[in-house]
Amino acid sequence: MAWDTEGTKRRLLEAAVYEFAERGPDGARVAAIAARACINKERIYQYFGDKQGLFEAVLTDQLAQLAAASPLAADKAGDLAEYAGHVFDYHRTHPQFLRLLHWEGLQTKGGELPAESARASHYAEKVASVAAAQRAGKLTDDVAAGYLMYAVAALAAWWFAVPQVVRMVLGSDAEDPDALRAGLVNLVRRLEIRN
């Protein structure tokens, strides 16, 4: 029987997402990841080199999944509110993603990030789409495209990054994800408006 290398890698990545999100790259244990995936831990070293290599592979994979789930093509960039709603939905169904980014930020000491060039290109494409929508008069040009894109991404994610603050600020609305999403979409619609 042939060994399913890609299937084994996928199972390890999926198991590692949860272990790294819960414990961070330093606290995560290779044995726990292997046990969760029902795979010998030696496969982690074989496929990813070490725990840090696995963490980097997890981040790269998770970022690719987000990019695929919430593209921002130039013809859709004029509706940043709808894009923000899609990103919100993604974070709601994938809460571990933001935790992984936070862990990455905590351990980064100014060095290059995993797949940084590809990640930067991905964001550059989104900024270019926003800039094109601004030039076409579909979005405000009062704010530079990069700042506008960053604001939308931050607004869509922050609900899940600090739910305790959302609860303190919004009270009972914090318990209603549909109300939070509607509030986000409304807020981003106001950012889109040309003065």
N, C-alpha and C. Protein backbone atom coordinates (compact mmCIF):
# COMPACT_ATOMS: atom_id res chain seq x y z
N MET A 1 0.84 -1.17 0.00
CA MET A 1 0.00 0.00 0.00
C MET A 1 0.89 1.24 0.00
N ALA A 2 0.60 2.20 -0.86
CA ALA A 2 1.38 3.43 -0.97
C ALA A 2 1.07 4.36 0.20
N TRP A 3 2.11 5.05 0.67
CA TRP A 3 1.95 6.00 1.77
C TRP A 3 1.33 7.28 1.23
N ASP A 4 0.33 7.80 1.91
CA ASP A 4 -0.36 9.02 1.50
C ASP A 4 0.35 10.22 2.14
N THR A 5 1.42 10.67 1.51
CA THR A 5 2.22 11.76 2.06
C THR A 5 1.40 13.03 2.21
N GLU A 6 0.67 13.40 1.18
CA GLU A 6 -0.10 14.65 1.23
C GLU A 6 -1.22 14.57 2.27
N GLY A 7 -1.86 13.42 2.36
CA GLY A 7 -2.90 13.25 3.37
C GLY A 7 -2.33 13.32 4.78
N THR A 8 -1.16 12.75 4.97
CA THR A 8 -0.49 12.80 6.28
C THR A 8 -0.11 14.23 6.63
N LYS A 9 0.45 14.95 5.68
CA LYS A 9 0.79 16.36 5.93
C LYS A 9 -0.46 17.16 6.29
N ARG A 10 -1.55 16.94 5.58
CA ARG A 10 -2.79 17.67 5.82
C ARG A 10 -3.29 17.39 7.24
N ARG A 11 -3.28 16.12 7.65
CA ARG A 11 -3.73 15.78 9.00
C ARG A 11 -2.86 16.42 10.06
N LEU A 12 -1.55 16.45 9.82
CA LEU A 12 -0.64 17.11 10.78
C LEU A 12 -0.90 18.61 10.83
N LEU A 13 -1.10 19.24 9.69
CA LEU A 13 -1.39 20.68 9.67
C LEU A 13 -2.69 20.98 10.42
N GLU A 14 -3.71 20.18 10.16
CA GLU A 14 -5.00 20.41 10.82
C GLU A 14 -4.89 20.22 12.33
N ALA A 15 -4.16 19.21 12.76
CA ALA A 15 -3.98 18.99 14.20
C ALA A 15 -3.15 20.11 14.81
N ALA A 16 -2.14 20.55 14.09
CA ALA A 16 -1.24 21.58 14.60
C ALA A 16 -1.93 22.93 14.75
N VAL A 17 -2.90 23.23 13.89
CA VAL A 17 -3.63 24.49 13.99
C VAL A 17 -4.16 24.66 15.41
N TYR A 18 -4.81 23.65 15.91
CA TYR A 18 -5.45 23.75 17.22
C TYR A 18 -4.42 23.77 18.35
N GLU A 19 -3.40 22.96 18.25
CA GLU A 19 -2.37 22.93 19.29
C GLU A 19 -1.64 24.27 19.36
N PHE A 20 -1.26 24.82 18.20
CA PHE A 20 -0.55 26.10 18.19
C PHE A 20 -1.48 27.24 18.61
N ALA A 21 -2.73 27.21 18.20
CA ALA A 21 -3.67 28.27 18.60
C ALA A 21 -3.87 28.27 20.11
N GLU A 22 -3.94 27.08 20.71
CA GLU A 22 -4.17 26.98 22.15
C GLU A 22 -2.93 27.31 22.97
N ARG A 23 -1.76 26.90 22.49
CA ARG A 23 -0.56 26.98 23.34
C ARG A 23 0.58 27.81 22.76
N GLY A 24 0.45 28.26 21.53
CA GLY A 24 1.52 29.02 20.91
C GLY A 24 2.64 28.11 20.45
N PRO A 25 3.56 28.66 19.65
CA PRO A 25 4.64 27.83 19.14
C PRO A 25 5.57 27.30 20.21
N ASP A 26 5.77 28.04 21.28
CA ASP A 26 6.66 27.56 22.34
C ASP A 26 5.99 26.53 23.23
N GLY A 27 4.71 26.70 23.51
CA GLY A 27 4.00 25.80 24.41
C GLY A 27 3.46 24.55 23.75
N ALA A 28 3.30 24.59 22.44
CA ALA A 28 2.77 23.42 21.73
C ALA A 28 3.76 22.26 21.83
N ARG A 29 3.23 21.07 21.87
CA ARG A 29 4.06 19.88 21.97
C ARG A 29 3.89 19.02 20.72
N VAL A 30 5.02 18.64 20.15
CA VAL A 30 5.01 17.80 18.95
C VAL A 30 4.25 16.51 19.22
N ALA A 31 4.44 15.92 20.37
CA ALA A 31 3.76 14.66 20.70
C ALA A 31 2.25 14.84 20.72
N ALA A 32 1.79 15.99 21.22
CA ALA A 32 0.35 16.25 21.26
C ALA A 32 -0.22 16.43 19.85
N ILE A 33 0.54 17.10 19.00
CA ILE A 33 0.10 17.29 17.61
C ILE A 33 0.01 15.93 16.91
N ALA A 34 1.04 15.13 17.08
CA ALA A 34 1.06 13.81 16.45
C ALA A 34 -0.08 12.94 16.97
N ALA A 35 -0.32 12.98 18.27
CA ALA A 35 -1.41 12.19 18.85
C ALA A 35 -2.76 12.64 18.31
N ARG A 36 -2.97 13.96 18.21
CA ARG A 36 -4.23 14.48 17.69
C ARG A 36 -4.44 14.06 16.25
N ALA A 37 -3.35 13.97 15.47
CA ALA A 37 -3.43 13.57 14.06
C ALA A 37 -3.39 12.06 13.89
N CYS A 38 -3.13 11.33 14.98
CA CYS A 38 -2.97 9.86 14.94
C CYS A 38 -1.86 9.45 13.97
N ILE A 39 -0.74 10.18 14.09
CA ILE A 39 0.42 9.94 13.22
C ILE A 39 1.67 9.97 14.09
N ASN A 40 2.64 9.17 13.74
CA ASN A 40 3.91 9.13 14.46
C ASN A 40 4.58 10.51 14.38
N LYS A 41 5.07 10.99 15.51
CA LYS A 41 5.66 12.34 15.55
C LYS A 41 6.89 12.47 14.66
N GLU A 42 7.52 11.37 14.31
CA GLU A 42 8.69 11.43 13.43
C GLU A 42 8.32 12.02 12.07
N ARG A 43 7.06 11.88 11.67
CA ARG A 43 6.62 12.45 10.39
C ARG A 43 6.69 13.98 10.43
N ILE A 44 6.48 14.57 11.57
CA ILE A 44 6.58 16.03 11.68
C ILE A 44 7.99 16.47 11.32
N TYR A 45 8.97 15.79 11.88
CA TYR A 45 10.36 16.14 11.59
C TYR A 45 10.71 15.84 10.13
N GLN A 46 10.18 14.76 9.61
CA GLN A 46 10.46 14.39 8.23
C GLN A 46 9.88 15.41 7.25
N TYR A 47 8.65 15.85 7.49
CA TYR A 47 7.98 16.73 6.54
C TYR A 47 8.23 18.22 6.78
N PHE A 48 8.43 18.60 8.04
CA PHE A 48 8.50 20.03 8.37
C PHE A 48 9.81 20.46 9.01
N GLY A 49 10.70 19.53 9.28
CA GLY A 49 12.01 19.84 9.85
C GLY A 49 12.01 19.90 11.35
N ASP A 50 11.17 20.76 11.91
CA ASP A 50 11.07 20.89 13.36
C ASP A 50 9.75 21.57 13.69
N LYS A 51 9.55 21.84 14.97
CA LYS A 51 8.29 22.44 15.41
C LYS A 51 8.09 23.83 14.79
N GLN A 52 9.15 24.62 14.71
CA GLN A 52 9.05 25.95 14.11
C GLN A 52 8.69 25.85 12.63
N GLY A 53 9.26 24.88 11.94
CA GLY A 53 8.91 24.66 10.54
C GLY A 53 7.45 24.29 10.38
N LEU A 54 6.93 23.49 11.30
CA LEU A 54 5.51 23.14 11.28
C LEU A 54 4.65 24.36 11.55
N PHE A 55 5.04 25.19 12.52
CA PHE A 55 4.28 26.41 12.80
C PHE A 55 4.24 27.31 11.57
N GLU A 56 5.35 27.46 10.90
CA GLU A 56 5.40 28.28 9.70
C GLU A 56 4.52 27.70 8.59
N ALA A 57 4.52 26.38 8.46
CA ALA A 57 3.67 25.73 7.46
C ALA A 57 2.20 25.92 7.80
N VAL A 58 1.86 25.86 9.08
CA VAL A 58 0.48 26.08 9.52
C VAL A 58 0.04 27.50 9.17
N LEU A 59 0.87 28.48 9.50
CA LEU A 59 0.52 29.87 9.18
C LEU A 59 0.34 30.07 7.69
N THR A 60 1.26 29.56 6.90
CA THR A 60 1.18 29.71 5.45
C THR A 60 -0.11 29.07 4.92
N ASP A 61 -0.43 27.89 5.42
CA ASP A 61 -1.64 27.19 5.00
C ASP A 61 -2.89 27.95 5.42
N GLN A 62 -2.92 28.43 6.65
CA GLN A 62 -4.09 29.16 7.14
C GLN A 62 -4.29 30.47 6.38
N LEU A 63 -3.21 31.16 6.07
CA LEU A 63 -3.31 32.40 5.31
C LEU A 63 -3.82 32.13 3.90
N ALA A 64 -3.39 31.05 3.30
CA ALA A 64 -3.88 30.68 1.97
C ALA A 64 -5.38 30.38 2.01
N GLN A 65 -5.82 29.73 3.08
CA GLN A 65 -7.25 29.43 3.22
C GLN A 65 -8.07 30.71 3.36
N LEU A 66 -7.58 31.66 4.15
CA LEU A 66 -8.28 32.94 4.29
C LEU A 66 -8.33 33.67 2.95
N ALA A 67 -7.21 33.70 2.25
CA ALA A 67 -7.15 34.39 0.95
C ALA A 67 -8.15 33.77 -0.03
N ALA A 68 -8.24 32.46 -0.04
CA ALA A 68 -9.17 31.79 -0.94
C ALA A 68 -10.63 32.04 -0.54
N ALA A 69 -10.87 32.14 0.75
CA ALA A 69 -12.24 32.33 1.24
C ALA A 69 -12.72 33.76 1.12
N SER A 70 -11.81 34.72 1.08
CA SER A 70 -12.24 36.13 1.04
C SER A 70 -11.39 36.93 0.05
N PRO A 71 -11.51 36.61 -1.24
CA PRO A 71 -10.77 37.39 -2.23
C PRO A 71 -11.35 38.79 -2.35
N LEU A 72 -10.54 39.70 -2.83
CA LEU A 72 -11.01 41.06 -3.08
C LEU A 72 -10.56 41.45 -4.48
N ALA A 73 -11.34 41.05 -5.46
CA ALA A 73 -11.03 41.37 -6.85
C ALA A 73 -11.34 42.84 -7.10
N ALA A 74 -10.68 43.39 -8.10
CA ALA A 74 -10.84 44.82 -8.42
C ALA A 74 -12.30 45.17 -8.69
N ASP A 75 -13.04 44.28 -9.34
CA ASP A 75 -14.45 44.60 -9.65
C ASP A 75 -15.35 44.55 -8.43
N LYS A 76 -14.88 44.00 -7.31
CA LYS A 76 -15.67 43.92 -6.08
C LYS A 76 -15.18 44.89 -5.00
N ALA A 77 -14.06 45.54 -5.22
CA ALA A 77 -13.45 46.37 -4.18
C ALA A 77 -14.29 47.60 -3.84
N GLY A 78 -15.19 47.98 -4.71
CA GLY A 78 -16.06 49.11 -4.39
C GLY A 78 -17.04 48.81 -3.28
N ASP A 79 -17.18 47.54 -2.93
CA ASP A 79 -18.07 47.14 -1.84
C ASP A 79 -17.24 46.53 -0.71
N LEU A 80 -16.48 47.38 -0.06
CA LEU A 80 -15.63 46.92 1.05
C LEU A 80 -16.46 46.41 2.21
N ALA A 81 -17.68 46.92 2.36
CA ALA A 81 -18.53 46.47 3.46
C ALA A 81 -18.86 44.99 3.31
N GLU A 82 -19.18 44.58 2.10
CA GLU A 82 -19.48 43.17 1.86
C GLU A 82 -18.23 42.32 2.08
N TYR A 83 -17.09 42.81 1.64
CA TYR A 83 -15.83 42.11 1.87
C TYR A 83 -15.59 41.96 3.38
N ALA A 84 -15.78 43.03 4.13
CA ALA A 84 -15.60 42.99 5.59
C ALA A 84 -16.52 41.94 6.21
N GLY A 85 -17.74 41.86 5.72
CA GLY A 85 -18.67 40.85 6.21
C GLY A 85 -18.17 39.43 5.95
N HIS A 86 -17.58 39.21 4.77
CA HIS A 86 -17.02 37.88 4.46
C HIS A 86 -15.85 37.55 5.38
N VAL A 87 -14.99 38.54 5.62
CA VAL A 87 -13.85 38.30 6.51
C VAL A 87 -14.35 38.01 7.92
N PHE A 88 -15.34 38.77 8.38
CA PHE A 88 -15.96 38.53 9.69
C PHE A 88 -16.47 37.09 9.77
N ASP A 89 -17.19 36.66 8.73
CA ASP A 89 -17.72 35.30 8.71
C ASP A 89 -16.60 34.27 8.79
N TYR A 90 -15.52 34.52 8.09
CA TYR A 90 -14.39 33.59 8.12
C TYR A 90 -13.82 33.48 9.54
N HIS A 91 -13.61 34.63 10.16
CA HIS A 91 -13.05 34.61 11.52
C HIS A 91 -14.02 33.95 12.51
N ARG A 92 -15.29 34.12 12.28
CA ARG A 92 -16.28 33.51 13.17
C ARG A 92 -16.22 31.99 13.08
N THR A 93 -15.97 31.46 11.89
CA THR A 93 -15.93 30.01 11.73
C THR A 93 -14.52 29.43 11.87
N HIS A 94 -13.52 30.30 11.92
CA HIS A 94 -12.12 29.86 12.07
C HIS A 94 -11.45 30.69 13.16
N PRO A 95 -11.90 30.58 14.40
CA PRO A 95 -11.38 31.46 15.46
C PRO A 95 -9.90 31.24 15.77
N GLN A 96 -9.36 30.10 15.41
CA GLN A 96 -7.96 29.82 15.70
C GLN A 96 -7.02 30.67 14.83
N PHE A 97 -7.47 31.13 13.69
CA PHE A 97 -6.60 31.87 12.77
C PHE A 97 -6.01 33.12 13.42
N LEU A 98 -6.83 33.93 14.05
CA LEU A 98 -6.32 35.15 14.68
C LEU A 98 -5.38 34.84 15.84
N ARG A 99 -5.67 33.78 16.56
CA ARG A 99 -4.75 33.39 17.64
C ARG A 99 -3.38 33.04 17.08
N LEU A 100 -3.36 32.36 15.94
CA LEU A 100 -2.07 32.03 15.31
C LEU A 100 -1.32 33.30 14.92
N LEU A 101 -2.03 34.28 14.37
CA LEU A 101 -1.38 35.54 14.01
C LEU A 101 -0.86 36.27 15.24
N HIS A 102 -1.61 36.21 16.33
CA HIS A 102 -1.14 36.84 17.57
C HIS A 102 0.12 36.16 18.09
N TRP A 103 0.13 34.83 18.06
CA TRP A 103 1.32 34.11 18.50
C TRP A 103 2.50 34.48 17.61
N GLU A 104 2.27 34.57 16.30
CA GLU A 104 3.35 34.95 15.39
C GLU A 104 3.88 36.34 15.76
N GLY A 105 2.99 37.27 16.01
CA GLY A 105 3.40 38.62 16.38
C GLY A 105 4.18 38.66 17.68
N LEU A 106 3.79 37.83 18.63
CA LEU A 106 4.48 37.79 19.91
C LEU A 106 5.89 37.22 19.80
N GLN A 107 6.10 36.30 18.89
CA GLN A 107 7.41 35.68 18.79
C GLN A 107 8.31 36.34 17.75
N THR A 108 7.75 37.19 16.91
CA THR A 108 8.55 37.83 15.86
C THR A 108 9.42 38.92 16.47
N LYS A 109 10.66 38.90 16.08
CA LYS A 109 11.60 39.90 16.60
C LYS A 109 12.20 40.68 15.44
N GLY A 110 11.37 41.06 14.48
CA GLY A 110 11.83 41.88 13.37
C GLY A 110 12.37 41.11 12.19
N GLY A 111 12.48 39.80 12.31
CA GLY A 111 12.98 39.00 11.21
C GLY A 111 11.90 38.76 10.16
N GLU A 112 12.29 38.12 9.08
CA GLU A 112 11.34 37.82 8.03
C GLU A 112 10.34 36.77 8.51
N LEU A 113 9.11 36.94 8.09
CA LEU A 113 8.03 36.04 8.49
C LEU A 113 7.92 34.89 7.50
N PRO A 114 7.24 33.81 7.89
CA PRO A 114 7.01 32.72 6.95
C PRO A 114 6.25 33.22 5.73
N ALA A 115 6.75 32.90 4.56
CA ALA A 115 6.11 33.28 3.29
C ALA A 115 5.81 34.77 3.22
N GLU A 116 6.67 35.58 3.81
CA GLU A 116 6.41 37.02 3.88
C GLU A 116 6.22 37.65 2.50
N SER A 117 7.05 37.29 1.57
CA SER A 117 6.95 37.87 0.24
C SER A 117 5.60 37.56 -0.41
N ALA A 118 5.18 36.32 -0.33
CA ALA A 118 3.88 35.93 -0.90
C ALA A 118 2.74 36.61 -0.15
N ARG A 119 2.86 36.70 1.16
CA ARG A 119 1.83 37.36 1.95
C ARG A 119 1.74 38.84 1.60
N ALA A 120 2.89 39.49 1.48
CA ALA A 120 2.91 40.91 1.13
C ALA A 120 2.31 41.12 -0.25
N SER A 121 2.60 40.21 -1.17
CA SER A 121 2.01 40.32 -2.52
C SER A 121 0.50 40.20 -2.47
N HIS A 122 0.02 39.30 -1.65
CA HIS A 122 -1.43 39.12 -1.50
C HIS A 122 -2.07 40.42 -1.02
N TYR A 123 -1.47 41.04 0.00
CA TYR A 123 -2.02 42.29 0.51
C TYR A 123 -1.87 43.42 -0.51
N ALA A 124 -0.78 43.42 -1.25
CA ALA A 124 -0.57 44.44 -2.27
C ALA A 124 -1.67 44.36 -3.34
N GLU A 125 -2.08 43.15 -3.68
CA GLU A 125 -3.17 42.98 -4.65
C GLU A 125 -4.47 43.57 -4.12
N LYS A 126 -4.75 43.36 -2.84
CA LYS A 126 -5.96 43.93 -2.24
C LYS A 126 -5.89 45.46 -2.23
N VAL A 127 -4.74 46.00 -1.86
CA VAL A 127 -4.57 47.46 -1.85
C VAL A 127 -4.73 48.00 -3.26
N ALA A 128 -4.18 47.32 -4.25
CA ALA A 128 -4.32 47.76 -5.64
C ALA A 128 -5.79 47.73 -6.08
N SER A 129 -6.54 46.74 -5.63
CA SER A 129 -7.97 46.68 -5.94
C SER A 129 -8.71 47.86 -5.32
N VAL A 130 -8.38 48.19 -4.09
CA VAL A 130 -9.00 49.35 -3.42
C VAL A 130 -8.63 50.63 -4.16
N ALA A 131 -7.37 50.77 -4.53
CA ALA A 131 -6.92 51.96 -5.25
C ALA A 131 -7.65 52.10 -6.58
N ALA A 132 -7.85 50.98 -7.27
CA ALA A 132 -8.58 51.02 -8.54
C ALA A 132 -10.02 51.46 -8.32
N ALA A 133 -10.65 50.97 -7.25
CA ALA A 133 -12.02 51.38 -6.94
C ALA A 133 -12.06 52.86 -6.58
N GLN A 134 -11.04 53.36 -5.92
CA GLN A 134 -10.97 54.80 -5.61
C GLN A 134 -10.86 55.61 -6.90
N ARG A 135 -9.99 55.20 -7.79
CA ARG A 135 -9.82 55.92 -9.06
C ARG A 135 -11.11 55.92 -9.89
N ALA A 136 -11.87 54.83 -9.77
CA ALA A 136 -13.14 54.71 -10.50
C ALA A 136 -14.26 55.47 -9.81
N GLY A 137 -13.98 56.08 -8.67
CA GLY A 137 -15.00 56.85 -7.95
C GLY A 137 -15.96 56.00 -7.13
N LYS A 138 -15.63 54.72 -6.92
CA LYS A 138 -16.50 53.84 -6.15
C LYS A 138 -16.24 53.90 -4.65
N LEU A 139 -15.07 54.38 -4.28
CA LEU A 139 -14.69 54.49 -2.87
C LEU A 139 -14.10 55.86 -2.61
N THR A 140 -14.17 56.28 -1.37
CA THR A 140 -13.55 57.54 -0.99
C THR A 140 -12.05 57.50 -1.28
N ASP A 141 -11.53 58.63 -1.68
CA ASP A 141 -10.08 58.72 -1.84
C ASP A 141 -9.51 59.67 -0.79
N ASP A 142 -10.31 59.95 0.25
CA ASP A 142 -9.85 60.78 1.36
C ASP A 142 -8.80 60.06 2.20
N VAL A 143 -8.77 58.75 2.09
CA VAL A 143 -7.84 57.92 2.84
C VAL A 143 -7.06 57.09 1.83
N ALA A 144 -5.75 57.00 2.00
CA ALA A 144 -4.93 56.20 1.10
C ALA A 144 -5.41 54.75 1.08
N ALA A 145 -5.30 54.11 -0.06
CA ALA A 145 -5.83 52.75 -0.25
C ALA A 145 -5.29 51.76 0.78
N GLY A 146 -4.01 51.82 1.09
CA GLY A 146 -3.43 50.90 2.07
C GLY A 146 -4.04 51.08 3.45
N TYR A 147 -4.22 52.33 3.86
CA TYR A 147 -4.82 52.59 5.17
C TYR A 147 -6.27 52.14 5.21
N LEU A 148 -6.98 52.36 4.12
CA LEU A 148 -8.38 51.94 4.07
C LEU A 148 -8.48 50.42 4.14
N MET A 149 -7.63 49.73 3.39
CA MET A 149 -7.64 48.26 3.41
C MET A 149 -7.29 47.73 4.79
N TYR A 150 -6.28 48.33 5.40
CA TYR A 150 -5.87 47.89 6.74
C TYR A 150 -6.99 48.13 7.75
N ALA A 151 -7.65 49.27 7.67
CA ALA A 151 -8.75 49.57 8.60
C ALA A 151 -9.87 48.54 8.47
N VAL A 152 -10.22 48.19 7.25
CA VAL A 152 -11.28 47.21 7.04
C VAL A 152 -10.88 45.85 7.60
N ALA A 153 -9.65 45.42 7.33
CA ALA A 153 -9.18 44.13 7.85
C ALA A 153 -9.17 44.13 9.37
N ALA A 154 -8.70 45.23 9.96
CA ALA A 154 -8.65 45.31 11.42
C ALA A 154 -10.05 45.31 12.02
N LEU A 155 -10.95 46.07 11.43
CA LEU A 155 -12.32 46.11 11.95
C LEU A 155 -12.99 44.73 11.86
N ALA A 156 -12.74 44.02 10.78
CA ALA A 156 -13.37 42.70 10.61
C ALA A 156 -12.83 41.68 11.60
N ALA A 157 -11.59 41.85 12.03
CA ALA A 157 -10.95 40.86 12.89
C ALA A 157 -11.05 41.17 14.38
N TRP A 158 -11.09 42.42 14.75
CA TRP A 158 -10.92 42.80 16.14
C TRP A 158 -12.01 42.25 17.06
N TRP A 159 -13.20 42.02 16.52
CA TRP A 159 -14.29 41.44 17.33
C TRP A 159 -13.84 40.14 17.98
N PHE A 160 -13.05 39.37 17.25
CA PHE A 160 -12.65 38.04 17.70
C PHE A 160 -11.33 38.06 18.45
N ALA A 161 -10.58 39.13 18.27
CA ALA A 161 -9.29 39.24 18.96
C ALA A 161 -9.48 39.60 20.43
N VAL A 162 -10.45 40.45 20.71
CA VAL A 162 -10.70 40.89 22.09
C VAL A 162 -12.20 40.83 22.40
N PRO A 163 -12.77 39.64 22.47
CA PRO A 163 -14.21 39.52 22.72
C PRO A 163 -14.62 40.13 24.06
N GLN A 164 -13.72 40.15 25.02
CA GLN A 164 -14.05 40.73 26.32
C GLN A 164 -14.30 42.23 26.20
N VAL A 165 -13.56 42.92 25.33
CA VAL A 165 -13.77 44.35 25.12
C VAL A 165 -15.08 44.58 24.38
N VAL A 166 -15.36 43.74 23.39
CA VAL A 166 -16.64 43.83 22.67
C VAL A 166 -17.79 43.72 23.67
N ARG A 167 -17.69 42.77 24.58
CA ARG A 167 -18.75 42.56 25.58
C ARG A 167 -18.91 43.80 26.48
N MET A 168 -17.78 44.37 26.90
CA MET A 168 -17.86 45.54 27.79
C MET A 168 -18.40 46.77 27.07
N VAL A 169 -18.05 46.93 25.80
CA VAL A 169 -18.48 48.11 25.05
C VAL A 169 -19.90 47.97 24.53
N LEU A 170 -20.25 46.79 24.02
CA LEU A 170 -21.53 46.63 23.34
C LEU A 170 -22.59 45.89 24.14
N GLY A 171 -22.23 45.41 25.30
CA GLY A 171 -23.22 44.75 26.15
C GLY A 171 -23.85 43.54 25.49
N SER A 172 -25.18 43.49 25.49
CA SER A 172 -25.89 42.31 24.98
C SER A 172 -25.68 42.08 23.49
N ASP A 173 -25.36 43.12 22.73
CA ASP A 173 -25.09 42.92 21.30
C ASP A 173 -23.89 42.00 21.08
N ALA A 174 -23.00 41.95 22.04
CA ALA A 174 -21.81 41.10 21.91
C ALA A 174 -22.18 39.62 21.82
N GLU A 175 -23.35 39.27 22.29
CA GLU A 175 -23.81 37.87 22.25
C GLU A 175 -24.48 37.52 20.94
N ASP A 176 -24.67 38.49 20.05
CA ASP A 176 -25.38 38.27 18.80
C ASP A 176 -24.45 38.51 17.61
N PRO A 177 -23.85 37.44 17.06
CA PRO A 177 -22.91 37.62 15.95
C PRO A 177 -23.53 38.29 14.74
N ASP A 178 -24.82 38.07 14.53
CA ASP A 178 -25.47 38.73 13.39
C ASP A 178 -25.55 40.24 13.59
N ALA A 179 -25.79 40.66 14.83
CA ALA A 179 -25.81 42.10 15.13
C ALA A 179 -24.40 42.68 14.98
N LEU A 180 -23.39 41.96 15.42
CA LEU A 180 -22.01 42.43 15.27
C LEU A 180 -21.65 42.56 13.79
N ARG A 181 -22.02 41.57 13.00
CA ARG A 181 -21.72 41.61 11.57
C ARG A 181 -22.43 42.80 10.92
N ALA A 182 -23.70 42.99 11.25
CA ALA A 182 -24.45 44.11 10.68
C ALA A 182 -23.82 45.44 11.08
N GLY A 183 -23.39 45.55 12.33
CA GLY A 183 -22.73 46.77 12.77
C GLY A 183 -21.43 47.01 12.02
N LEU A 184 -20.67 45.95 11.80
CA LEU A 184 -19.42 46.06 11.04
C LEU A 184 -19.69 46.51 9.62
N VAL A 185 -20.63 45.87 8.95
CA VAL A 185 -20.94 46.22 7.56
C VAL A 185 -21.39 47.68 7.48
N ASN A 186 -22.22 48.10 8.41
CA ASN A 186 -22.68 49.50 8.43
C ASN A 186 -21.52 50.46 8.64
N LEU A 187 -20.63 50.13 9.54
CA LEU A 187 -19.47 50.97 9.81
C LEU A 187 -18.57 51.09 8.58
N VAL A 188 -18.30 49.96 7.93
CA VAL A 188 -17.44 49.99 6.75
C VAL A 188 -18.13 50.73 5.60
N ARG A 189 -19.45 50.61 5.49
CA ARG A 189 -20.17 51.40 4.47
C ARG A 189 -19.88 52.89 4.66
N ARG A 190 -19.79 53.32 5.90
CA ARG A 190 -19.51 54.73 6.15
C ARG A 190 -18.08 55.10 5.76
N LEU A 191 -17.17 54.15 5.88
CA LEU A 191 -15.78 54.39 5.46
C LEU A 191 -15.67 54.51 3.93
N GLU A 192 -16.59 53.88 3.22
CA GLU A 192 -16.54 53.87 1.76
C GLU A 192 -16.96 55.20 1.13
N ILE A 193 -17.75 55.96 1.87
CA ILE A 193 -18.42 57.14 1.32
C ILE A 193 -17.45 58.24 0.96
N ARG A 194 -17.62 58.77 -0.23
CA ARG A 194 -16.83 59.91 -0.67
C ARG A 194 -17.41 61.17 -0.06
N ASN A 195 -16.54 62.05 0.41
CA ASN A 195 -17.01 63.34 0.98
C ASN A 195 -17.19 64.37 -0.09
